[in-house]
Amino acid sequence: MKLTKKEQIEHKARELFMKHGFKKVTIDEICKKANVSRKTFYTFYENKTALVLFIFNEVMDQSFSIYEEIVGSDFTFSEKMEKMFAFKFEAVKNISMEFITDLYNPEAAELLEVFNKSLGRSMQMLRDLFQKAQETGEMNPELSLDYVMWLLQKLVELSAAPNLTTIFSSAESFTRQVSQSFIYGIMPVKSPGQ
């Protein structure tokens, strides 16, 4: 299937942003990779920020669709968490640490606003999942959900620390470590069925 010029721009920009972050990538680079002119680029997007926001929203919508499918399934709480993590780890395989750093950059105010809105939606989804898991006894019912969500929010805030992102060589290892430390702490990760 042949891509439209708009789709070519979005496809190549997404590749470039994921590999190099969006701060360093120029409109000229996007146009060159997409084999379109600057005039064509501006036919579809006011500027690079508009394109970044479009791609970010598209990725988040696709992700939420998958997460909602997992959450709404008949799997156990443990299985849902495993499937959510597996999807998350797979989704970040092609994302560079430059992209993560750019995402948390305070200068990227518009993107941070969209990211924070998505984060709020994600936190609500997790809170609902945790609450149901507590009601069924699949999650420690003695834990305060307010505390768990506060802790999770603090973990997200800590993830934005530049000195933390420099520890990891890839977004996948970064995401895996942060996620597993929240769920398992310092205890070894159990294999499914243990």
N, C-alpha and C. Protein backbone atom coordinates (compact mmCIF):
# COMPACT_ATOMS: atom_id res chain seq x y z
N MET A 1 0.84 -1.19 0.00
CA MET A 1 0.00 0.00 0.00
C MET A 1 0.89 1.25 0.00
N LYS A 2 0.63 2.11 -0.93
CA LYS A 2 1.42 3.34 -1.07
C LYS A 2 0.95 4.37 -0.05
N LEU A 3 1.92 4.98 0.63
CA LEU A 3 1.61 6.00 1.63
C LEU A 3 1.35 7.34 0.97
N THR A 4 0.42 8.09 1.55
CA THR A 4 0.22 9.47 1.09
C THR A 4 1.42 10.30 1.54
N LYS A 5 1.55 11.49 1.03
CA LYS A 5 2.67 12.36 1.43
C LYS A 5 2.60 12.67 2.93
N LYS A 6 1.40 12.87 3.44
CA LYS A 6 1.23 13.13 4.87
C LYS A 6 1.70 11.92 5.68
N GLU A 7 1.31 10.73 5.25
CA GLU A 7 1.72 9.50 5.94
C GLU A 7 3.23 9.29 5.84
N GLN A 8 3.83 9.64 4.70
CA GLN A 8 5.28 9.53 4.54
C GLN A 8 5.97 10.43 5.57
N ILE A 9 5.49 11.65 5.71
CA ILE A 9 6.07 12.59 6.68
C ILE A 9 5.96 12.02 8.08
N GLU A 10 4.78 11.55 8.44
CA GLU A 10 4.54 11.02 9.79
C GLU A 10 5.39 9.77 10.05
N HIS A 11 5.47 8.89 9.08
CA HIS A 11 6.22 7.65 9.24
C HIS A 11 7.71 7.94 9.44
N LYS A 12 8.28 8.76 8.57
CA LYS A 12 9.71 9.07 8.66
C LYS A 12 10.02 9.91 9.90
N ALA A 13 9.14 10.84 10.23
CA ALA A 13 9.35 11.67 11.43
C ALA A 13 9.33 10.79 12.67
N ARG A 14 8.41 9.87 12.72
CA ARG A 14 8.32 8.96 13.88
C ARG A 14 9.62 8.17 14.04
N GLU A 15 10.12 7.63 12.94
CA GLU A 15 11.39 6.90 12.98
C GLU A 15 12.52 7.78 13.50
N LEU A 16 12.61 8.99 12.96
CA LEU A 16 13.68 9.92 13.36
C LEU A 16 13.53 10.33 14.82
N PHE A 17 12.32 10.66 15.24
CA PHE A 17 12.09 11.09 16.62
C PHE A 17 12.44 9.98 17.61
N MET A 18 12.03 8.76 17.30
CA MET A 18 12.29 7.64 18.21
C MET A 18 13.79 7.35 18.31
N LYS A 19 14.50 7.56 17.22
CA LYS A 19 15.94 7.26 17.20
C LYS A 19 16.79 8.39 17.79
N HIS A 20 16.42 9.65 17.50
CA HIS A 20 17.27 10.79 17.87
C HIS A 20 16.62 11.76 18.85
N GLY A 21 15.39 11.49 19.27
CA GLY A 21 14.65 12.49 20.03
C GLY A 21 14.07 13.49 19.06
N PHE A 22 13.18 14.33 19.50
CA PHE A 22 12.58 15.27 18.56
C PHE A 22 13.25 16.63 18.57
N LYS A 23 14.05 16.90 19.58
CA LYS A 23 14.70 18.20 19.68
C LYS A 23 15.75 18.39 18.58
N LYS A 24 16.53 17.35 18.31
CA LYS A 24 17.62 17.45 17.34
C LYS A 24 17.16 17.32 15.89
N VAL A 25 16.06 16.65 15.67
CA VAL A 25 15.59 16.39 14.30
C VAL A 25 15.01 17.67 13.71
N THR A 26 15.42 17.97 12.50
CA THR A 26 14.94 19.19 11.84
C THR A 26 13.85 18.86 10.82
N ILE A 27 13.11 19.87 10.44
CA ILE A 27 12.10 19.72 9.40
C ILE A 27 12.77 19.30 8.09
N ASP A 28 13.94 19.87 7.80
CA ASP A 28 14.66 19.50 6.58
C ASP A 28 15.00 18.01 6.56
N GLU A 29 15.43 17.47 7.70
CA GLU A 29 15.74 16.03 7.77
C GLU A 29 14.49 15.20 7.52
N ILE A 30 13.40 15.62 8.12
CA ILE A 30 12.13 14.89 7.93
C ILE A 30 11.74 14.90 6.46
N CYS A 31 11.80 16.08 5.86
CA CYS A 31 11.41 16.21 4.44
C CYS A 31 12.31 15.37 3.54
N LYS A 32 13.61 15.38 3.82
CA LYS A 32 14.56 14.60 3.02
C LYS A 32 14.24 13.11 3.12
N LYS A 33 14.05 12.61 4.35
CA LYS A 33 13.76 11.18 4.55
C LYS A 33 12.40 10.79 3.96
N ALA A 34 11.44 11.72 4.03
CA ALA A 34 10.09 11.43 3.53
C ALA A 34 9.97 11.71 2.03
N ASN A 35 11.03 12.29 1.45
CA ASN A 35 11.05 12.63 0.03
C ASN A 35 9.91 13.59 -0.34
N VAL A 36 9.77 14.63 0.49
CA VAL A 36 8.78 15.69 0.23
C VAL A 36 9.46 17.05 0.40
N SER A 37 8.83 18.07 -0.12
CA SER A 37 9.37 19.42 0.01
C SER A 37 8.92 20.04 1.34
N ARG A 38 9.61 21.12 1.72
CA ARG A 38 9.20 21.87 2.92
C ARG A 38 7.77 22.40 2.73
N LYS A 39 7.47 22.82 1.52
CA LYS A 39 6.13 23.34 1.23
C LYS A 39 5.07 22.27 1.51
N THR A 40 5.37 21.04 1.11
CA THR A 40 4.45 19.92 1.37
C THR A 40 4.32 19.70 2.87
N PHE A 41 5.45 19.75 3.58
CA PHE A 41 5.41 19.59 5.04
C PHE A 41 4.44 20.61 5.64
N TYR A 42 4.60 21.87 5.26
CA TYR A 42 3.79 22.94 5.85
C TYR A 42 2.33 22.91 5.37
N THR A 43 2.05 22.14 4.35
CA THR A 43 0.66 21.93 3.93
C THR A 43 -0.10 21.17 5.02
N PHE A 44 0.63 20.27 5.70
CA PHE A 44 0.00 19.41 6.69
C PHE A 44 0.24 19.85 8.13
N TYR A 45 1.40 20.46 8.39
CA TYR A 45 1.76 20.80 9.77
C TYR A 45 2.29 22.23 9.86
N GLU A 46 1.82 22.92 10.87
CA GLU A 46 2.23 24.30 11.09
C GLU A 46 3.72 24.40 11.42
N ASN A 47 4.22 23.40 12.17
CA ASN A 47 5.62 23.38 12.58
C ASN A 47 5.95 21.97 13.08
N LYS A 48 7.18 21.81 13.50
CA LYS A 48 7.62 20.48 13.98
C LYS A 48 6.87 20.08 15.24
N THR A 49 6.60 21.03 16.12
CA THR A 49 5.88 20.73 17.35
C THR A 49 4.51 20.12 17.06
N ALA A 50 3.82 20.67 16.06
CA ALA A 50 2.50 20.14 15.69
C ALA A 50 2.61 18.68 15.24
N LEU A 51 3.67 18.38 14.50
CA LEU A 51 3.89 17.00 14.05
C LEU A 51 4.23 16.09 15.23
N VAL A 52 5.09 16.56 16.13
CA VAL A 52 5.43 15.78 17.32
C VAL A 52 4.17 15.47 18.12
N LEU A 53 3.34 16.47 18.33
CA LEU A 53 2.10 16.28 19.10
C LEU A 53 1.16 15.30 18.41
N PHE A 54 1.05 15.41 17.08
CA PHE A 54 0.20 14.48 16.35
C PHE A 54 0.68 13.04 16.54
N ILE A 55 1.98 12.82 16.36
CA ILE A 55 2.54 11.47 16.48
C ILE A 55 2.41 10.96 17.91
N PHE A 56 2.70 11.81 18.88
CA PHE A 56 2.59 11.40 20.28
C PHE A 56 1.14 11.00 20.61
N ASN A 57 0.18 11.81 20.20
CA ASN A 57 -1.23 11.49 20.45
C ASN A 57 -1.64 10.19 19.77
N GLU A 58 -1.15 9.98 18.57
CA GLU A 58 -1.47 8.75 17.84
C GLU A 58 -0.92 7.53 18.58
N VAL A 59 0.33 7.62 19.03
CA VAL A 59 0.96 6.52 19.78
C VAL A 59 0.20 6.27 21.08
N MET A 60 -0.15 7.33 21.79
CA MET A 60 -0.85 7.17 23.06
C MET A 60 -2.24 6.56 22.85
N ASP A 61 -2.96 6.99 21.81
CA ASP A 61 -4.28 6.43 21.52
C ASP A 61 -4.19 4.93 21.23
N GLN A 62 -3.19 4.54 20.44
CA GLN A 62 -2.99 3.12 20.14
C GLN A 62 -2.66 2.34 21.41
N SER A 63 -1.81 2.91 22.24
CA SER A 63 -1.42 2.25 23.49
C SER A 63 -2.61 2.08 24.42
N PHE A 64 -3.39 3.14 24.60
CA PHE A 64 -4.56 3.06 25.48
C PHE A 64 -5.55 2.03 24.97
N SER A 65 -5.70 1.93 23.68
CA SER A 65 -6.61 0.94 23.11
C SER A 65 -6.18 -0.47 23.52
N ILE A 66 -4.89 -0.73 23.45
CA ILE A 66 -4.37 -2.05 23.84
C ILE A 66 -4.50 -2.26 25.35
N TYR A 67 -4.13 -1.24 26.14
CA TYR A 67 -4.25 -1.36 27.60
C TYR A 67 -5.70 -1.60 28.01
N GLU A 68 -6.64 -0.88 27.40
CA GLU A 68 -8.05 -1.05 27.74
C GLU A 68 -8.53 -2.46 27.41
N GLU A 69 -8.03 -3.00 26.30
CA GLU A 69 -8.38 -4.37 25.92
C GLU A 69 -7.86 -5.35 26.97
N ILE A 70 -6.63 -5.14 27.44
CA ILE A 70 -6.04 -6.01 28.46
C ILE A 70 -6.82 -5.90 29.77
N VAL A 71 -7.08 -4.67 30.20
CA VAL A 71 -7.78 -4.44 31.46
C VAL A 71 -9.19 -5.02 31.42
N GLY A 72 -9.84 -4.95 30.27
CA GLY A 72 -11.20 -5.45 30.14
C GLY A 72 -11.30 -6.95 29.91
N SER A 73 -10.16 -7.62 29.82
CA SER A 73 -10.16 -9.06 29.54
C SER A 73 -10.50 -9.87 30.80
N ASP A 74 -10.61 -11.17 30.62
CA ASP A 74 -10.91 -12.08 31.72
C ASP A 74 -9.64 -12.60 32.41
N PHE A 75 -8.50 -12.07 32.06
CA PHE A 75 -7.25 -12.50 32.69
C PHE A 75 -7.25 -12.14 34.17
N THR A 76 -6.43 -12.85 34.94
CA THR A 76 -6.25 -12.50 36.35
C THR A 76 -5.49 -11.18 36.42
N PHE A 77 -5.48 -10.58 37.59
CA PHE A 77 -4.74 -9.33 37.81
C PHE A 77 -3.27 -9.51 37.45
N SER A 78 -2.69 -10.60 37.92
CA SER A 78 -1.29 -10.88 37.65
C SER A 78 -1.03 -11.00 36.14
N GLU A 79 -1.90 -11.71 35.45
CA GLU A 79 -1.76 -11.87 34.00
C GLU A 79 -1.93 -10.53 33.28
N LYS A 80 -2.86 -9.72 33.75
CA LYS A 80 -3.05 -8.40 33.14
C LYS A 80 -1.80 -7.55 33.30
N MET A 81 -1.22 -7.57 34.49
CA MET A 81 0.01 -6.79 34.72
C MET A 81 1.14 -7.30 33.83
N GLU A 82 1.28 -8.62 33.72
CA GLU A 82 2.32 -9.19 32.87
C GLU A 82 2.13 -8.79 31.42
N LYS A 83 0.89 -8.84 30.94
CA LYS A 83 0.61 -8.47 29.55
C LYS A 83 0.83 -6.98 29.32
N MET A 84 0.45 -6.16 30.29
CA MET A 84 0.68 -4.72 30.17
C MET A 84 2.17 -4.41 30.12
N PHE A 85 2.94 -5.07 30.98
CA PHE A 85 4.39 -4.86 30.97
C PHE A 85 5.01 -5.36 29.66
N ALA A 86 4.58 -6.52 29.21
CA ALA A 86 5.13 -7.07 27.96
C ALA A 86 4.88 -6.10 26.81
N PHE A 87 3.67 -5.54 26.75
CA PHE A 87 3.36 -4.57 25.70
C PHE A 87 4.22 -3.32 25.86
N LYS A 88 4.33 -2.84 27.09
CA LYS A 88 5.11 -1.64 27.36
C LYS A 88 6.58 -1.84 26.96
N PHE A 89 7.15 -2.98 27.32
CA PHE A 89 8.55 -3.26 27.00
C PHE A 89 8.75 -3.35 25.49
N GLU A 90 7.81 -3.97 24.81
CA GLU A 90 7.90 -4.09 23.35
C GLU A 90 7.76 -2.71 22.69
N ALA A 91 6.86 -1.90 23.23
CA ALA A 91 6.59 -0.58 22.65
C ALA A 91 7.80 0.36 22.74
N VAL A 92 8.63 0.19 23.75
CA VAL A 92 9.76 1.10 23.92
C VAL A 92 11.06 0.56 23.32
N LYS A 93 11.02 -0.60 22.70
CA LYS A 93 12.24 -1.20 22.14
C LYS A 93 12.93 -0.28 21.14
N ASN A 94 12.18 0.45 20.35
CA ASN A 94 12.76 1.30 19.31
C ASN A 94 12.84 2.77 19.72
N ILE A 95 12.68 3.03 21.00
CA ILE A 95 12.75 4.42 21.48
C ILE A 95 14.13 4.65 22.10
N SER A 96 14.75 5.73 21.71
CA SER A 96 16.08 6.06 22.23
C SER A 96 15.97 6.80 23.56
N MET A 97 17.06 6.81 24.29
CA MET A 97 17.10 7.59 25.53
C MET A 97 17.02 9.08 25.22
N GLU A 98 17.46 9.49 24.02
CA GLU A 98 17.32 10.89 23.61
C GLU A 98 15.85 11.29 23.56
N PHE A 99 15.00 10.37 23.07
CA PHE A 99 13.56 10.65 23.04
C PHE A 99 13.02 10.81 24.45
N ILE A 100 13.42 9.92 25.35
CA ILE A 100 12.97 9.99 26.75
C ILE A 100 13.40 11.32 27.37
N THR A 101 14.66 11.68 27.14
CA THR A 101 15.19 12.94 27.68
C THR A 101 14.41 14.13 27.13
N ASP A 102 14.14 14.12 25.82
CA ASP A 102 13.38 15.21 25.20
C ASP A 102 11.95 15.28 25.75
N LEU A 103 11.38 14.12 26.01
CA LEU A 103 10.01 14.07 26.52
C LEU A 103 9.89 14.77 27.87
N TYR A 104 10.90 14.60 28.71
CA TYR A 104 10.87 15.18 30.05
C TYR A 104 11.48 16.59 30.10
N ASN A 105 11.87 17.13 28.96
CA ASN A 105 12.48 18.44 28.91
C ASN A 105 11.44 19.52 29.22
N PRO A 106 11.70 20.36 30.23
CA PRO A 106 10.74 21.42 30.59
C PRO A 106 10.48 22.41 29.46
N GLU A 107 11.39 22.50 28.51
CA GLU A 107 11.21 23.41 27.37
C GLU A 107 10.13 22.89 26.41
N ALA A 108 9.81 21.63 26.49
CA ALA A 108 8.80 21.02 25.62
C ALA A 108 7.43 21.10 26.29
N ALA A 109 7.03 22.31 26.62
CA ALA A 109 5.82 22.53 27.42
C ALA A 109 4.56 21.92 26.81
N GLU A 110 4.37 22.09 25.50
CA GLU A 110 3.16 21.56 24.87
C GLU A 110 3.12 20.04 24.94
N LEU A 111 4.26 19.42 24.69
CA LEU A 111 4.32 17.96 24.75
C LEU A 111 4.15 17.48 26.19
N LEU A 112 4.77 18.18 27.13
CA LEU A 112 4.62 17.81 28.54
C LEU A 112 3.16 17.89 28.98
N GLU A 113 2.45 18.87 28.48
CA GLU A 113 1.03 19.01 28.81
C GLU A 113 0.23 17.81 28.31
N VAL A 114 0.49 17.41 27.07
CA VAL A 114 -0.19 16.24 26.50
C VAL A 114 0.24 14.97 27.23
N PHE A 115 1.54 14.87 27.53
CA PHE A 115 2.06 13.72 28.27
C PHE A 115 1.38 13.62 29.64
N ASN A 116 1.28 14.73 30.34
CA ASN A 116 0.67 14.72 31.66
C ASN A 116 -0.81 14.37 31.61
N LYS A 117 -1.49 14.78 30.56
CA LYS A 117 -2.91 14.41 30.39
C LYS A 117 -3.02 12.90 30.17
N SER A 118 -2.13 12.35 29.35
CA SER A 118 -2.11 10.90 29.13
C SER A 118 -1.75 10.16 30.40
N LEU A 119 -0.82 10.74 31.14
CA LEU A 119 -0.40 10.14 32.40
C LEU A 119 -1.58 10.09 33.38
N GLY A 120 -2.37 11.15 33.43
CA GLY A 120 -3.55 11.17 34.29
C GLY A 120 -4.53 10.07 33.92
N ARG A 121 -4.74 9.90 32.63
CA ARG A 121 -5.64 8.84 32.14
C ARG A 121 -5.09 7.46 32.52
N SER A 122 -3.79 7.30 32.36
CA SER A 122 -3.13 6.04 32.69
C SER A 122 -3.23 5.75 34.19
N MET A 123 -3.00 6.77 35.00
CA MET A 123 -3.07 6.59 36.46
C MET A 123 -4.48 6.20 36.89
N GLN A 124 -5.48 6.79 36.28
CA GLN A 124 -6.86 6.44 36.64
C GLN A 124 -7.17 4.99 36.25
N MET A 125 -6.67 4.59 35.08
CA MET A 125 -6.87 3.21 34.63
C MET A 125 -6.20 2.24 35.61
N LEU A 126 -4.98 2.56 36.03
CA LEU A 126 -4.28 1.70 36.99
C LEU A 126 -4.98 1.67 38.34
N ARG A 127 -5.44 2.83 38.79
CA ARG A 127 -6.13 2.88 40.08
C ARG A 127 -7.37 1.98 40.06
N ASP A 128 -8.14 2.05 38.98
CA ASP A 128 -9.32 1.20 38.85
C ASP A 128 -8.93 -0.28 38.84
N LEU A 129 -7.86 -0.59 38.11
CA LEU A 129 -7.37 -1.98 38.06
C LEU A 129 -6.92 -2.44 39.44
N PHE A 130 -6.17 -1.61 40.14
CA PHE A 130 -5.70 -1.96 41.48
C PHE A 130 -6.86 -2.13 42.46
N GLN A 131 -7.84 -1.25 42.35
CA GLN A 131 -8.99 -1.32 43.26
C GLN A 131 -9.74 -2.65 43.07
N LYS A 132 -9.96 -3.03 41.82
CA LYS A 132 -10.64 -4.30 41.55
C LYS A 132 -9.81 -5.48 42.06
N ALA A 133 -8.48 -5.38 41.88
CA ALA A 133 -7.59 -6.45 42.33
C ALA A 133 -7.61 -6.56 43.85
N GLN A 134 -7.73 -5.44 44.54
CA GLN A 134 -7.83 -5.49 46.00
C GLN A 134 -9.16 -6.12 46.41
N GLU A 135 -10.22 -5.79 45.71
CA GLU A 135 -11.54 -6.33 46.03
C GLU A 135 -11.59 -7.85 45.83
N THR A 136 -10.84 -8.36 44.87
CA THR A 136 -10.83 -9.81 44.61
C THR A 136 -9.72 -10.53 45.38
N GLY A 137 -8.92 -9.78 46.12
CA GLY A 137 -7.84 -10.38 46.90
C GLY A 137 -6.59 -10.68 46.09
N GLU A 138 -6.52 -10.18 44.85
CA GLU A 138 -5.35 -10.43 44.01
C GLU A 138 -4.23 -9.42 44.26
N MET A 139 -4.53 -8.38 45.01
CA MET A 139 -3.54 -7.38 45.39
C MET A 139 -3.70 -7.13 46.88
N ASN A 140 -2.61 -6.88 47.56
CA ASN A 140 -2.62 -6.66 48.99
C ASN A 140 -3.70 -5.64 49.38
N PRO A 141 -4.77 -6.10 50.06
CA PRO A 141 -5.87 -5.19 50.42
C PRO A 141 -5.51 -4.22 51.54
N GLU A 142 -4.38 -4.47 52.22
CA GLU A 142 -3.97 -3.59 53.31
C GLU A 142 -3.26 -2.32 52.81
N LEU A 143 -2.83 -2.35 51.56
CA LEU A 143 -2.17 -1.18 51.00
C LEU A 143 -3.20 -0.09 50.68
N SER A 144 -2.91 1.12 51.10
CA SER A 144 -3.76 2.25 50.76
C SER A 144 -3.57 2.57 49.28
N LEU A 145 -4.68 2.61 48.53
CA LEU A 145 -4.58 2.95 47.11
C LEU A 145 -4.05 4.36 46.92
N ASP A 146 -4.41 5.26 47.83
CA ASP A 146 -3.89 6.62 47.74
C ASP A 146 -2.37 6.61 47.85
N TYR A 147 -1.84 5.80 48.75
CA TYR A 147 -0.40 5.69 48.91
C TYR A 147 0.24 5.06 47.66
N VAL A 148 -0.34 3.99 47.16
CA VAL A 148 0.21 3.32 45.99
C VAL A 148 0.25 4.29 44.80
N MET A 149 -0.82 5.05 44.61
CA MET A 149 -0.87 5.99 43.49
C MET A 149 0.10 7.15 43.71
N TRP A 150 0.25 7.59 44.95
CA TRP A 150 1.21 8.65 45.26
C TRP A 150 2.62 8.16 44.94
N LEU A 151 2.91 6.93 45.35
CA LEU A 151 4.22 6.33 45.11
C LEU A 151 4.49 6.21 43.61
N LEU A 152 3.49 5.78 42.88
CA LEU A 152 3.62 5.65 41.43
C LEU A 152 3.87 7.01 40.79
N GLN A 153 3.15 8.03 41.26
CA GLN A 153 3.34 9.39 40.73
C GLN A 153 4.76 9.87 41.02
N LYS A 154 5.27 9.60 42.21
CA LYS A 154 6.64 9.99 42.57
C LYS A 154 7.65 9.26 41.70
N LEU A 155 7.37 8.02 41.38
CA LEU A 155 8.25 7.25 40.51
C LEU A 155 8.30 7.88 39.11
N VAL A 156 7.16 8.32 38.63
CA VAL A 156 7.11 9.00 37.33
C VAL A 156 7.93 10.29 37.39
N GLU A 157 7.77 11.05 38.47
CA GLU A 157 8.53 12.30 38.63
C GLU A 157 10.03 12.01 38.69
N LEU A 158 10.42 10.97 39.42
CA LEU A 158 11.83 10.61 39.50
C LEU A 158 12.38 10.17 38.14
N SER A 159 11.52 9.58 37.33
CA SER A 159 11.95 9.12 36.00
C SER A 159 12.39 10.27 35.11
N ALA A 160 11.97 11.47 35.44
CA ALA A 160 12.34 12.65 34.65
C ALA A 160 13.70 13.20 35.03
N ALA A 161 14.29 12.70 36.09
CA ALA A 161 15.59 13.21 36.55
C ALA A 161 16.68 12.88 35.53
N PRO A 162 17.38 13.88 35.02
CA PRO A 162 18.41 13.64 34.00
C PRO A 162 19.48 12.65 34.45
N ASN A 163 19.86 12.70 35.71
CA ASN A 163 20.90 11.77 36.16
C ASN A 163 20.40 10.33 36.21
N LEU A 164 19.10 10.12 36.29
CA LEU A 164 18.57 8.76 36.25
C LEU A 164 18.61 8.21 34.82
N THR A 165 18.22 9.02 33.85
CA THR A 165 18.19 8.54 32.47
C THR A 165 19.58 8.21 31.95
N THR A 166 20.62 8.81 32.51
CA THR A 166 21.98 8.51 32.04
C THR A 166 22.48 7.14 32.52
N ILE A 167 21.81 6.55 33.48
CA ILE A 167 22.20 5.23 33.99
C ILE A 167 21.92 4.14 32.95
N PHE A 168 20.93 4.35 32.12
CA PHE A 168 20.45 3.30 31.23
C PHE A 168 20.90 3.52 29.79
N SER A 169 21.16 2.42 29.10
CA SER A 169 21.60 2.49 27.71
C SER A 169 20.44 2.50 26.73
N SER A 170 19.28 2.05 27.20
CA SER A 170 18.12 1.99 26.29
C SER A 170 16.84 2.31 27.05
N ALA A 171 15.85 2.76 26.29
CA ALA A 171 14.54 3.05 26.89
C ALA A 171 13.89 1.77 27.41
N GLU A 172 14.19 0.64 26.76
CA GLU A 172 13.62 -0.62 27.22
C GLU A 172 14.17 -0.99 28.60
N SER A 173 15.48 -0.89 28.78
CA SER A 173 16.05 -1.23 30.09
C SER A 173 15.59 -0.23 31.16
N PHE A 174 15.49 1.01 30.79
CA PHE A 174 14.99 2.05 31.70
C PHE A 174 13.56 1.71 32.14
N THR A 175 12.69 1.44 31.18
CA THR A 175 11.28 1.13 31.46
C THR A 175 11.16 -0.16 32.27
N ARG A 176 11.93 -1.15 31.90
CA ARG A 176 11.89 -2.44 32.60
C ARG A 176 12.30 -2.27 34.07
N GLN A 177 13.39 -1.55 34.32
CA GLN A 177 13.89 -1.36 35.68
C GLN A 177 12.89 -0.56 36.53
N VAL A 178 12.39 0.52 35.99
CA VAL A 178 11.45 1.36 36.74
C VAL A 178 10.17 0.57 37.04
N SER A 179 9.63 -0.13 36.04
CA SER A 179 8.40 -0.91 36.23
C SER A 179 8.59 -2.03 37.23
N GLN A 180 9.66 -2.79 37.06
CA GLN A 180 9.89 -3.93 37.95
C GLN A 180 10.19 -3.49 39.38
N SER A 181 10.88 -2.37 39.54
CA SER A 181 11.17 -1.91 40.91
C SER A 181 9.89 -1.50 41.62
N PHE A 182 8.92 -0.99 40.87
CA PHE A 182 7.64 -0.62 41.49
C PHE A 182 6.86 -1.86 41.90
N ILE A 183 6.79 -2.83 41.03
CA ILE A 183 5.98 -4.02 41.29
C ILE A 183 6.66 -4.98 42.26
N TYR A 184 7.95 -5.25 42.06
CA TYR A 184 8.62 -6.28 42.85
C TYR A 184 9.56 -5.74 43.92
N GLY A 185 9.89 -4.46 43.86
CA GLY A 185 10.87 -3.92 44.80
C GLY A 185 12.21 -4.58 44.57
N ILE A 186 12.86 -5.00 45.63
CA ILE A 186 14.17 -5.64 45.47
C ILE A 186 14.08 -7.16 45.45
N MET A 187 12.89 -7.67 45.51
CA MET A 187 12.70 -9.12 45.49
C MET A 187 12.85 -9.64 44.06
N PRO A 188 13.28 -10.89 43.90
CA PRO A 188 13.43 -11.44 42.54
C PRO A 188 12.07 -11.52 41.85
N VAL A 189 12.11 -11.32 40.54
CA VAL A 189 10.90 -11.41 39.72
C VAL A 189 10.51 -12.88 39.63
N LYS A 190 9.24 -13.17 39.92
CA LYS A 190 8.76 -14.54 39.85
C LYS A 190 8.31 -14.85 38.42
N SER A 191 8.54 -16.07 38.03
CA SER A 191 8.05 -16.54 36.74
C SER A 191 6.55 -16.76 36.86
N PRO A 192 5.81 -16.63 35.73
CA PRO A 192 4.38 -16.89 35.78
C PRO A 192 4.11 -18.28 36.35
N GLY A 193 3.11 -18.38 37.21
CA GLY A 193 2.71 -19.65 37.79
C GLY A 193 3.38 -19.98 39.12
N GLN A 194 4.34 -19.15 39.55
CA GLN A 194 5.02 -19.43 40.83
C GLN A 194 4.23 -18.88 41.99
